[in-house]
Amino acid sequence: MNYGFVIDNTRCIGCHACSTACKSENEVPLGVNRTWVKYVEHGAFPDVKRTFQVTRCNHCENPPCVRICPVTAMYQREDGIVEFDKDVCIGCKACMQACPYDAIHIDPETKTAAKCHYCAHRVDVGLEPACAVVCPTEAIVAGDLDDPMSKIAKVVAANRLTVRKPEQGTAPKVLYIDGDGVALHPTVFAQRPQQMMWAQTVTQQGSEAPPASPSQLGKASSGATIRVPSEQGVPKGSPVRSSGGGKGTVAEQMVQVAYNAQHEIPWHWQVPAYLVTKGVAAGIFMFLALGWNLGLFRFDTGAMVWGGLLSVLMTLATTALLVADLERPERFLSIILRPQWKSWLTRGAFLLIGFATISGLWWAAETLVWLDMLTLPDVSRTAMGWLTVPLALGAAVYTAFLFAQAEGRDLWQASHVPFQMTIHAVAFGAATLAIAGPATESMRWLFVLAMLASLVVTLFADLTVPQASELARRAAVDMTWGRYKREYWMGGIGLGHIVAIALGWDHG
């Protein structure tokens, strides 16, 4: 069996009966939606029309939310339904980052992930989903796509169908008859309205500010005004213009979103903070172990004791930050007790545990040596160093592969991210040791080289390497030349790289 939906936009009247039935059947709290109707208005008075698009989980054939979930709280049944288990979910919100359709939310009552689950409890007893039953125009057709005698299979065979974001490779199973291209592709809009029907727009979204208007570039020989070329794949305006050169009010726009469900940013400050603490913790041991074992500088017990102590503290801080970002932190041990091994959250957790265990034992042994309570042979020290390096590297880099599983965040999936995180870990480790005191000239110069490499990789990747999708290109341009250019150039490039390199060079 292979359950899916067909949404017939020629029949949908935008009555929200499906949304209401879903809330009633599944006891969905206020403020969140498992299914909703997106309204898009076209034209200008008196030639206007409004189109509707029923939107929900696509029950993908290849669901990225299932693959990224660390505890199998999100799973795919044998019949193709993508289901969730609120009693298992730890609230890590990774599934929300993996979903390209923004179909998953955190239930405000249970603090766990929730979405359309095809009314699986009804399907199991031979009933259709509540939305399909209640629809007054039979615009929602539910059933087994693999059964040639089913109604949905006959509808699929008789109509031309479209889906949302087929380029993501998820094979969505919510199919649209007469799908409205404007509703299916949000980037067609020049700007979002300040408010919607029955709702104000939330602020924690990445698409609030309007794009820059097309700039001018002199005159052609014919006298025509020439525009400055846009960035590749990132138009400066939308194909559908608003009246008044984009300065008109919402009511004057030729095409606008009148209503849509909205989602706030899933991950907060704890995640970027843990990238730093994790990089410092792994970088210190990776830096010291490689430096000593490769003969870049002499072994120093004091550097190991105080540097190792900083690494242990940063590892504890990393654990605290990761647990703090969970919606259900009391369930954090589920990652260890019921791991889902295709998730890089699970793999990363075990890499962190392995790194913390080995590095902690090595640090404890060297501390006892420093206190004249233990003698550690050089061969044991060398073995511990080589054992620590791959675990430190894995702990530092695994997040890049986790980001690659986030199908809903195209910019994160860049191929240079693992290399960049490796460089950052080395730089973090060297910088921390230099600040703490027990650094040598070799350490400082390696820090400078690591930061130079990071600067080159960052600028090359962000400014010259073509992005894989339109959304990734838009995000990259927004970061480098758009609304975040000040933070990027002054913070990330200026303070984060150039000033750091100058300080390291000066003290070198």
Protein backbone atom coordinates (compact mmCIF):
# COMPACT_ATOMS: atom_id res chain seq x y z
CA MET A 1 0.00 0.00 0.00
CA ASN A 2 1.08 3.56 -0.65
CA TYR A 3 -1.20 6.23 0.77
CA GLY A 4 -1.27 9.74 -0.64
CA PHE A 5 -3.50 12.73 -1.35
CA VAL A 6 -4.76 14.45 -4.48
CA ILE A 7 -5.89 18.06 -3.98
CA ASP A 8 -8.21 19.25 -6.74
CA ASN A 9 -7.76 23.02 -6.88
CA THR A 10 -10.59 23.30 -9.41
CA ARG A 11 -12.97 22.17 -6.67
CA CYS A 12 -11.47 23.78 -3.54
CA ILE A 13 -13.53 26.75 -2.29
CA GLY A 14 -11.22 27.73 0.57
CA CYS A 15 -13.79 26.99 3.25
CA HIS A 16 -11.23 25.66 5.79
CA ALA A 17 -13.47 22.70 6.59
CA CYS A 18 -10.41 20.46 6.27
CA SER A 19 -8.44 22.59 8.73
CA THR A 20 -11.31 22.59 11.22
CA ALA A 21 -11.93 18.86 10.88
CA CYS A 22 -8.23 18.17 11.40
CA LYS A 23 -8.13 20.27 14.55
CA SER A 24 -11.24 18.58 15.92
CA GLU A 25 -10.23 15.02 15.03
CA ASN A 26 -6.66 15.32 16.32
CA GLU A 27 -7.22 17.87 19.12
CA VAL A 28 -4.71 20.28 17.58
CA PRO A 29 -4.04 23.27 19.89
CA LEU A 30 -4.64 26.86 18.90
CA GLY A 31 -1.81 28.61 17.12
CA VAL A 32 -0.56 25.61 15.13
CA ASN A 33 -1.92 23.74 12.12
CA ARG A 34 -1.49 20.27 10.71
CA THR A 35 -3.31 21.26 7.54
CA TRP A 36 -4.16 24.73 6.32
CA VAL A 37 -5.37 26.58 3.23
CA LYS A 38 -3.04 29.06 1.59
CA TYR A 39 -4.81 32.00 -0.06
CA VAL A 40 -3.24 33.79 -3.04
CA GLU A 41 -4.94 36.76 -4.69
CA HIS A 42 -4.33 37.71 -8.33
CA GLY A 43 -5.09 40.84 -10.33
CA ALA A 44 -6.40 44.31 -9.55
CA PHE A 45 -9.96 45.45 -9.07
CA PRO A 46 -12.26 44.70 -10.84
CA ASP A 47 -10.38 41.83 -12.52
CA VAL A 48 -9.41 39.76 -9.50
CA LYS A 49 -9.44 36.14 -8.40
CA ARG A 50 -8.37 34.19 -5.35
CA THR A 51 -6.82 30.73 -5.52
CA PHE A 52 -6.59 28.21 -2.70
CA GLN A 53 -3.99 25.59 -1.89
CA VAL A 54 -4.51 22.97 0.79
CA THR A 55 -1.10 22.52 2.42
CA ARG A 56 0.15 19.82 4.78
CA CYS A 57 2.75 17.11 5.26
CA ASN A 58 3.48 15.54 1.88
CA HIS A 59 4.03 12.02 3.28
CA CYS A 60 7.09 11.84 1.06
CA GLU A 61 8.27 8.58 -0.42
CA ASN A 62 11.76 9.60 0.73
CA PRO A 63 11.03 11.61 3.89
CA PRO A 64 14.04 13.61 5.16
CA CYS A 65 12.35 14.15 8.54
CA VAL A 66 12.47 10.39 9.19
CA ARG A 67 16.13 10.14 8.26
CA ILE A 68 17.24 12.98 10.54
CA CYS A 69 15.17 12.03 13.61
CA PRO A 70 17.61 10.65 16.22
CA VAL A 71 15.11 8.56 18.20
CA THR A 72 12.63 7.26 15.55
CA ALA A 73 9.93 9.58 16.86
CA MET A 74 9.28 10.42 13.20
CA TYR A 75 8.90 7.24 11.17
CA GLN A 76 7.45 5.91 7.91
CA ARG A 77 4.94 3.11 8.08
CA GLU A 78 4.89 0.24 5.61
CA ASP A 79 1.82 1.78 3.94
CA GLY A 80 3.71 5.02 3.20
CA ILE A 81 2.20 7.17 5.96
CA VAL A 82 4.78 9.32 7.76
CA GLU A 83 3.76 9.13 11.42
CA PHE A 84 5.14 10.58 14.65
CA ASP A 85 5.26 9.39 18.26
CA LYS A 86 4.81 12.18 20.80
CA ASP A 87 5.74 9.83 23.63
CA VAL A 88 9.23 9.34 22.19
CA CYS A 89 10.05 12.75 20.66
CA ILE A 90 12.76 14.72 22.48
CA GLY A 91 11.89 18.01 20.78
CA CYS A 92 15.25 18.47 19.02
CA LYS A 93 13.47 20.16 16.06
CA ALA A 94 15.81 18.55 13.54
CA CYS A 95 12.80 17.26 11.60
CA MET A 96 11.59 20.85 11.21
CA GLN A 97 14.91 21.79 9.62
CA ALA A 98 14.78 18.74 7.36
CA CYS A 99 11.27 19.36 6.01
CA PRO A 100 11.37 21.46 2.81
CA TYR A 101 7.64 22.17 3.15
CA ASP A 102 7.45 23.69 6.66
CA ALA A 103 4.85 21.06 7.50
CA ILE A 104 6.11 20.21 11.01
CA HIS A 105 5.60 22.25 14.16
CA ILE A 106 6.15 21.93 17.89
CA ASP A 107 2.91 21.20 19.70
CA PRO A 108 2.64 23.89 22.40
CA GLU A 109 1.01 21.45 24.83
CA THR A 110 3.18 18.34 24.47
CA LYS A 111 6.38 20.20 23.43
CA THR A 112 6.96 17.56 20.76
CA ALA A 113 6.95 17.54 16.96
CA ALA A 114 3.56 17.19 15.30
CA LYS A 115 2.10 17.30 11.78
CA CYS A 116 -0.51 15.70 9.53
CA HIS A 117 -0.34 11.96 10.13
CA TYR A 118 -2.97 10.99 7.56
CA CYS A 119 -5.39 10.30 10.42
CA ALA A 120 -3.60 6.98 10.79
CA HIS A 121 -5.90 5.97 13.64
CA ARG A 122 -8.84 6.22 11.23
CA VAL A 123 -7.06 4.51 8.35
CA ASP A 124 -6.26 1.55 10.62
CA VAL A 125 -9.99 0.88 11.08
CA GLY A 126 -10.89 1.38 7.42
CA LEU A 127 -11.91 5.06 7.50
CA GLU A 128 -10.65 7.95 5.40
CA PRO A 129 -8.82 10.95 6.91
CA ALA A 130 -11.17 13.48 8.48
CA CYS A 131 -10.28 16.21 5.97
CA ALA A 132 -11.29 14.06 3.00
CA VAL A 133 -14.59 13.09 4.64
CA VAL A 134 -15.62 16.63 5.57
CA CYS A 135 -14.66 18.41 2.32
CA PRO A 136 -17.99 19.63 0.84
CA THR A 137 -16.73 19.64 -2.76
CA GLU A 138 -14.67 16.43 -2.60
CA ALA A 139 -11.55 18.43 -3.43
CA ILE A 140 -9.43 16.13 -1.24
CA VAL A 141 -9.02 12.59 -2.51
CA ALA A 142 -7.22 10.15 -0.20
CA GLY A 143 -6.31 6.57 -0.87
CA ASP A 144 -3.84 3.93 -2.00
CA LEU A 145 -1.82 5.16 -4.97
CA ASP A 146 -0.66 1.59 -5.70
CA ASP A 147 -4.19 0.22 -6.09
CA PRO A 148 -5.23 0.76 -9.74
CA MET A 149 -8.90 0.33 -8.78
CA SER A 150 -8.84 3.05 -6.10
CA LYS A 151 -10.42 6.44 -6.73
CA ILE A 152 -7.14 8.27 -6.18
CA ALA A 153 -5.31 6.10 -8.72
CA LYS A 154 -7.98 6.82 -11.33
CA VAL A 155 -7.80 10.56 -10.60
CA VAL A 156 -4.01 10.47 -10.95
CA ALA A 157 -4.27 8.63 -14.27
CA ALA A 158 -6.81 11.10 -15.67
CA ASN A 159 -5.17 14.41 -14.73
CA ARG A 160 -1.97 16.40 -15.04
CA LEU A 161 -0.56 16.84 -11.55
CA THR A 162 2.03 19.02 -9.85
CA VAL A 163 3.85 18.79 -6.53
CA ARG A 164 5.74 21.18 -4.29
CA LYS A 165 9.55 21.37 -4.59
CA PRO A 166 10.19 18.24 -6.66
CA GLU A 167 13.87 19.25 -6.90
CA GLN A 168 14.40 18.26 -3.24
CA GLY A 169 14.23 14.58 -4.17
CA THR A 170 11.67 13.73 -1.49
CA ALA A 171 9.01 12.38 -3.92
CA PRO A 172 6.04 14.12 -2.23
CA LYS A 173 2.69 12.33 -2.30
CA VAL A 174 0.39 15.34 -2.02
CA LEU A 175 -0.47 15.88 -5.68
CA TYR A 176 -2.26 18.97 -7.01
CA ILE A 177 -4.70 19.24 -9.90
CA ASP A 178 -4.43 22.71 -11.46
CA GLY A 179 -1.71 23.65 -9.00
CA ASP A 180 -1.19 27.41 -8.92
CA GLY A 181 2.45 28.13 -9.76
CA VAL A 182 2.44 31.29 -7.65
CA ALA A 183 1.20 29.40 -4.59
CA LEU A 184 3.58 26.49 -5.17
CA HIS A 185 6.66 28.74 -5.49
CA PRO A 186 6.81 31.40 -2.73
CA THR A 187 9.86 33.16 -4.21
CA VAL A 188 7.70 34.58 -7.00
CA PHE A 189 6.60 37.32 -4.61
CA ALA A 190 8.52 40.57 -4.42
CA GLN A 191 7.64 41.01 -0.74
CA ARG A 192 5.48 39.62 2.01
CA PRO A 193 2.46 41.61 3.19
CA GLN A 194 2.60 43.29 6.57
CA GLN A 195 -0.48 41.35 7.64
CA MET A 196 -2.74 38.62 6.31
CA MET A 197 -6.41 37.78 6.50
CA TRP A 198 -7.22 37.04 10.16
CA ALA A 199 -3.52 37.09 11.07
CA GLN A 200 -0.49 39.30 11.48
CA THR A 201 2.84 38.14 10.12
CA VAL A 202 5.26 36.75 12.68
CA THR A 203 8.67 38.39 12.95
CA GLN A 204 10.94 35.35 13.21
CA GLN A 205 11.06 34.61 9.51
CA GLY A 206 13.86 34.99 7.02
CA SER A 207 11.79 36.51 4.24
CA GLU A 208 10.51 39.72 5.80
CA ALA A 209 12.46 42.45 4.04
CA PRO A 210 11.68 43.23 0.38
CA PRO A 211 14.47 42.64 -2.15
CA ALA A 212 16.37 45.54 -3.60
CA SER A 213 14.69 47.20 -6.56
CA PRO A 214 16.45 46.75 -9.92
CA SER A 215 19.17 49.40 -10.21
CA GLN A 216 19.98 51.33 -13.39
CA LEU A 217 23.18 51.40 -15.44
CA GLY A 218 23.34 54.21 -17.96
CA LYS A 219 21.92 54.12 -21.47
CA ALA A 220 22.27 51.79 -24.43
CA SER A 221 23.10 53.13 -27.90
CA SER A 222 19.39 52.93 -28.68
CA GLY A 223 18.62 55.17 -25.72
CA ALA A 224 17.12 52.40 -23.58
CA THR A 225 17.96 52.43 -19.87
CA ILE A 226 20.15 49.47 -18.85
CA ARG A 227 19.78 47.57 -15.58
CA VAL A 228 22.68 46.23 -13.56
CA PRO A 229 22.77 42.42 -14.01
CA SER A 230 21.42 40.47 -11.03
CA GLU A 231 23.33 37.75 -9.21
CA GLN A 232 23.11 34.37 -10.93
CA GLY A 233 19.82 32.74 -10.01
CA VAL A 234 18.78 35.58 -7.69
CA PRO A 235 16.56 38.18 -9.40
CA LYS A 236 16.44 41.58 -7.72
CA GLY A 237 12.70 41.79 -8.26
CA SER A 238 9.89 39.32 -8.69
CA PRO A 239 8.41 38.39 -12.08
CA VAL A 240 5.08 39.74 -10.82
CA ARG A 241 5.38 43.46 -10.16
CA SER A 242 3.46 45.44 -7.57
CA SER A 243 1.84 48.71 -8.56
CA GLY A 244 3.75 51.92 -7.90
CA GLY A 245 7.14 50.31 -8.54
CA GLY A 246 6.78 48.00 -5.57
CA LYS A 247 5.84 50.82 -3.19
CA GLY A 248 2.09 50.30 -3.26
CA THR A 249 -0.02 49.11 -0.37
CA VAL A 250 -1.01 45.49 0.10
CA ALA A 251 -4.37 46.09 -1.58
CA GLU A 252 -2.63 47.43 -4.68
CA GLN A 253 -0.44 44.41 -5.28
CA MET A 254 -1.15 42.39 -8.41
CA VAL A 255 -0.34 39.14 -6.60
CA GLN A 256 -0.22 38.68 -2.84
CA VAL A 257 -0.47 36.02 -0.17
CA ALA A 258 -3.71 36.71 1.65
CA TYR A 259 -3.31 33.90 4.19
CA ASN A 260 -0.75 31.24 5.02
CA ALA A 261 0.38 29.34 8.11
CA GLN A 262 3.61 30.70 9.58
CA HIS A 263 6.46 29.13 11.48
CA GLU A 264 9.05 30.62 13.79
CA ILE A 265 12.75 29.81 13.63
CA PRO A 266 13.23 26.31 15.16
CA TRP A 267 16.80 26.52 16.50
CA HIS A 268 17.96 29.39 18.68
CA TRP A 269 21.19 30.78 20.15
CA GLN A 270 22.15 27.51 21.82
CA VAL A 271 22.95 25.89 18.45
CA PRO A 272 25.49 28.47 17.17
CA ALA A 273 26.89 28.65 20.71
CA TYR A 274 27.43 24.89 20.82
CA LEU A 275 29.30 25.05 17.50
CA VAL A 276 31.84 27.28 19.25
CA THR A 277 32.13 25.28 22.48
CA LYS A 278 32.34 22.00 20.57
CA GLY A 279 34.96 23.43 18.23
CA VAL A 280 37.06 24.64 21.18
CA ALA A 281 36.78 21.32 23.03
CA ALA A 282 37.70 19.19 20.02
CA GLY A 283 40.21 21.67 18.65
CA ILE A 284 42.34 21.78 21.80
CA PHE A 285 42.94 18.02 21.87
CA MET A 286 43.25 17.72 18.10
CA PHE A 287 45.78 20.55 18.06
CA LEU A 288 47.85 19.24 20.99
CA ALA A 289 47.76 15.59 19.90
CA LEU A 290 48.76 16.30 16.30
CA GLY A 291 51.38 18.85 17.32
CA TRP A 292 53.06 16.49 19.76
CA ASN A 293 52.80 13.31 17.69
CA LEU A 294 54.02 15.02 14.52
CA GLY A 295 56.86 16.75 16.34
CA LEU A 296 55.64 20.30 15.66
CA PHE A 297 56.36 21.22 19.27
CA ARG A 298 57.58 19.46 22.41
CA PHE A 299 55.22 17.76 24.82
CA ASP A 300 54.29 19.98 27.77
CA THR A 301 52.48 18.41 30.72
CA GLY A 302 51.32 21.81 31.94
CA ALA A 303 49.81 22.66 28.56
CA MET A 304 48.05 19.30 28.57
CA VAL A 305 46.66 19.77 32.08
CA TRP A 306 45.34 23.31 31.65
CA GLY A 307 44.42 22.93 27.99
CA GLY A 308 42.71 19.62 28.73
CA LEU A 309 40.79 21.19 31.60
CA LEU A 310 39.48 23.88 29.23
CA SER A 311 38.49 21.19 26.75
CA VAL A 312 36.63 19.21 29.41
CA LEU A 313 34.79 22.36 30.52
CA MET A 314 33.86 23.19 26.91
CA THR A 315 32.62 19.62 26.41
CA LEU A 316 30.39 19.99 29.46
CA ALA A 317 29.16 23.34 28.12
CA THR A 318 28.41 21.69 24.76
CA THR A 319 26.32 19.03 26.48
CA ALA A 320 24.44 21.64 28.50
CA LEU A 321 23.68 23.72 25.40
CA LEU A 322 22.46 20.72 23.42
CA VAL A 323 20.17 19.60 26.22
CA ALA A 324 18.93 23.15 26.83
CA ASP A 325 17.78 23.49 23.21
CA LEU A 326 15.56 20.41 23.47
CA GLU A 327 11.85 20.98 24.00
CA ARG A 328 11.81 17.84 26.16
CA PRO A 329 15.26 17.90 27.84
CA GLU A 330 14.29 15.21 30.35
CA ARG A 331 14.30 12.73 27.44
CA PHE A 332 17.83 13.46 26.20
CA LEU A 333 19.09 9.98 27.11
CA SER A 334 16.76 8.55 24.45
CA ILE A 335 19.44 9.34 21.86
CA ILE A 336 21.63 6.75 23.56
CA LEU A 337 18.94 4.29 24.61
CA ARG A 338 17.03 4.09 21.30
CA PRO A 339 19.35 5.47 18.60
CA GLN A 340 18.32 5.83 14.96
CA TRP A 341 21.65 5.36 13.24
CA LYS A 342 20.95 7.16 9.95
CA SER A 343 20.60 10.43 11.83
CA TRP A 344 23.75 12.49 12.22
CA LEU A 345 22.34 13.73 15.51
CA THR A 346 22.68 10.18 16.81
CA ARG A 347 26.08 9.62 15.22
CA GLY A 348 27.25 12.97 16.54
CA ALA A 349 26.07 12.17 20.05
CA PHE A 350 28.13 8.97 20.11
CA LEU A 351 31.13 10.75 18.60
CA LEU A 352 30.90 13.34 21.37
CA ILE A 353 30.62 10.59 23.98
CA GLY A 354 33.63 8.76 22.54
CA PHE A 355 35.68 11.94 22.35
CA ALA A 356 34.72 13.03 25.86
CA THR A 357 35.59 9.60 27.28
CA ILE A 358 39.00 9.18 25.65
CA SER A 359 40.09 12.80 26.03
CA GLY A 360 38.84 12.86 29.62
CA LEU A 361 40.82 9.73 30.49
CA TRP A 362 43.94 11.15 28.84
CA TRP A 363 43.57 14.45 30.65
CA ALA A 364 43.01 12.68 33.99
CA ALA A 365 46.13 10.54 33.45
CA GLU A 366 48.27 13.57 32.55
CA THR A 367 46.93 15.43 35.58
CA LEU A 368 48.06 12.57 37.82
CA VAL A 369 51.46 12.68 36.11
CA TRP A 370 51.64 16.43 36.75
CA LEU A 371 50.86 15.77 40.43
CA ASP A 372 53.60 13.07 40.56
CA MET A 373 50.99 10.41 41.28
CA LEU A 374 51.43 8.42 38.05
CA THR A 375 54.06 7.57 35.46
CA LEU A 376 52.86 7.47 31.85
CA PRO A 377 55.11 5.81 29.24
CA ASP A 378 55.66 7.73 26.00
CA VAL A 379 54.14 4.90 23.97
CA SER A 380 50.90 5.19 25.96
CA ARG A 381 50.87 8.95 25.48
CA THR A 382 51.38 8.55 21.73
CA ALA A 383 48.65 5.92 21.51
CA MET A 384 46.20 8.11 23.41
CA GLY A 385 47.04 10.99 21.09
CA TRP A 386 46.38 9.05 17.90
CA LEU A 387 43.18 7.60 19.38
CA THR A 388 41.95 11.05 20.33
CA VAL A 389 42.55 12.71 16.94
CA PRO A 390 39.84 10.91 14.88
CA LEU A 391 37.32 11.25 17.70
CA ALA A 392 38.09 14.96 18.04
CA LEU A 393 37.81 15.38 14.28
CA GLY A 394 34.48 13.55 14.24
CA ALA A 395 33.14 15.62 17.12
CA ALA A 396 34.18 18.82 15.37
CA VAL A 397 32.88 17.96 11.91
CA TYR A 398 29.74 15.84 12.38
CA THR A 399 27.50 18.91 12.47
CA ALA A 400 28.34 19.57 8.81
CA PHE A 401 26.78 16.23 7.91
CA LEU A 402 23.81 16.97 10.16
CA PHE A 403 23.31 20.24 8.26
CA ALA A 404 23.52 18.29 5.00
CA GLN A 405 20.51 16.25 6.15
CA ALA A 406 18.48 19.46 6.62
CA GLU A 407 16.66 19.43 3.26
CA GLY A 408 14.72 22.50 4.30
CA ARG A 409 17.89 24.63 4.57
CA ASP A 410 19.62 24.53 1.20
CA LEU A 411 22.50 26.87 2.07
CA TRP A 412 23.61 24.58 4.90
CA GLN A 413 24.20 21.74 2.45
CA ALA A 414 27.33 23.22 0.88
CA SER A 415 30.11 20.71 0.28
CA HIS A 416 32.83 22.88 1.84
CA VAL A 417 31.28 22.92 5.33
CA PRO A 418 33.12 19.81 6.69
CA PHE A 419 36.48 21.26 5.63
CA GLN A 420 35.54 24.63 7.09
CA MET A 421 34.58 23.12 10.46
CA THR A 422 37.87 21.21 10.59
CA ILE A 423 39.82 24.44 10.07
CA HIS A 424 37.70 26.21 12.67
CA ALA A 425 38.37 23.50 15.25
CA VAL A 426 42.14 23.82 14.77
CA ALA A 427 41.89 27.61 14.97
CA PHE A 428 39.64 27.48 18.06
CA GLY A 429 42.03 25.10 19.81
CA ALA A 430 45.12 27.15 19.01
CA ALA A 431 43.44 30.44 19.94
CA THR A 432 42.20 29.08 23.26
CA LEU A 433 45.64 27.76 24.17
CA ALA A 434 47.24 31.05 23.15
CA ILE A 435 44.82 33.02 25.33
CA ALA A 436 45.22 30.59 28.25
CA GLY A 437 48.98 31.07 28.21
CA PRO A 438 50.83 27.80 27.53
CA ALA A 439 51.22 28.52 23.81
CA THR A 440 54.42 28.39 21.79
CA GLU A 441 55.41 30.26 18.66
CA SER A 442 54.46 27.17 16.65
CA MET A 443 50.96 27.24 18.13
CA ARG A 444 50.48 30.91 17.24
CA TRP A 445 51.66 30.48 13.68
CA LEU A 446 49.45 27.43 13.19
CA PHE A 447 46.55 29.52 14.45
CA VAL A 448 47.37 32.24 11.91
CA LEU A 449 47.61 29.69 9.10
CA ALA A 450 44.30 28.09 10.12
CA MET A 451 42.55 31.47 10.17
CA LEU A 452 44.03 32.40 6.79
CA ALA A 453 42.79 29.09 5.37
CA SER A 454 39.36 29.71 6.91
CA LEU A 455 39.23 33.19 5.38
CA VAL A 456 40.13 31.90 1.92
CA VAL A 457 37.64 29.02 2.09
CA THR A 458 34.86 31.26 3.41
CA LEU A 459 35.27 33.98 0.77
CA PHE A 460 35.82 31.51 -2.06
CA ALA A 461 32.80 29.40 -1.13
CA ASP A 462 30.44 32.29 -0.37
CA LEU A 463 31.37 34.57 -3.27
CA THR A 464 32.42 32.36 -6.17
CA VAL A 465 31.08 28.80 -5.86
CA PRO A 466 27.66 28.41 -7.54
CA GLN A 467 24.92 27.32 -5.15
CA ALA A 468 22.91 24.18 -5.83
CA SER A 469 19.43 25.71 -5.73
CA GLU A 470 17.57 28.98 -6.06
CA LEU A 471 16.87 29.14 -2.33
CA ALA A 472 20.55 28.58 -1.50
CA ARG A 473 21.55 31.32 -3.94
CA ARG A 474 19.04 33.73 -2.45
CA ALA A 475 20.27 32.97 1.07
CA ALA A 476 23.92 33.39 0.07
CA VAL A 477 23.30 36.75 -1.60
CA ASP A 478 21.17 37.86 1.35
CA MET A 479 24.05 37.01 3.68
CA THR A 480 26.86 38.61 1.68
CA TRP A 481 25.22 41.59 -0.04
CA GLY A 482 21.71 41.76 1.39
CA ARG A 483 20.22 42.50 4.79
CA TYR A 484 22.96 40.62 6.69
CA LYS A 485 25.95 42.11 4.86
CA ARG A 486 27.01 44.20 7.87
CA GLU A 487 27.12 41.17 10.16
CA TYR A 488 28.90 39.15 7.47
CA TRP A 489 31.61 41.63 6.50
CA MET A 490 32.16 43.45 9.80
CA GLY A 491 31.51 40.52 12.12
CA GLY A 492 32.39 37.30 10.33
CA ILE A 493 35.10 38.55 7.98
CA GLY A 494 36.45 41.64 9.75
CA LEU A 495 36.32 40.80 13.44
CA GLY A 496 36.18 37.02 13.12
CA HIS A 497 39.05 36.64 10.67
CA ILE A 498 41.09 39.74 9.82
CA VAL A 499 41.38 41.08 13.38
CA ALA A 500 42.14 37.58 14.71
CA ILE A 501 44.85 37.08 12.07
CA ALA A 502 46.35 40.48 12.86
CA LEU A 503 46.48 39.71 16.59
CA GLY A 504 48.06 36.32 16.00
CA TRP A 505 50.58 37.78 13.56
CA ASP A 506 51.50 40.61 15.91
CA HIS A 507 52.10 38.29 18.85
CA GLY A 508 53.95 35.82 16.65
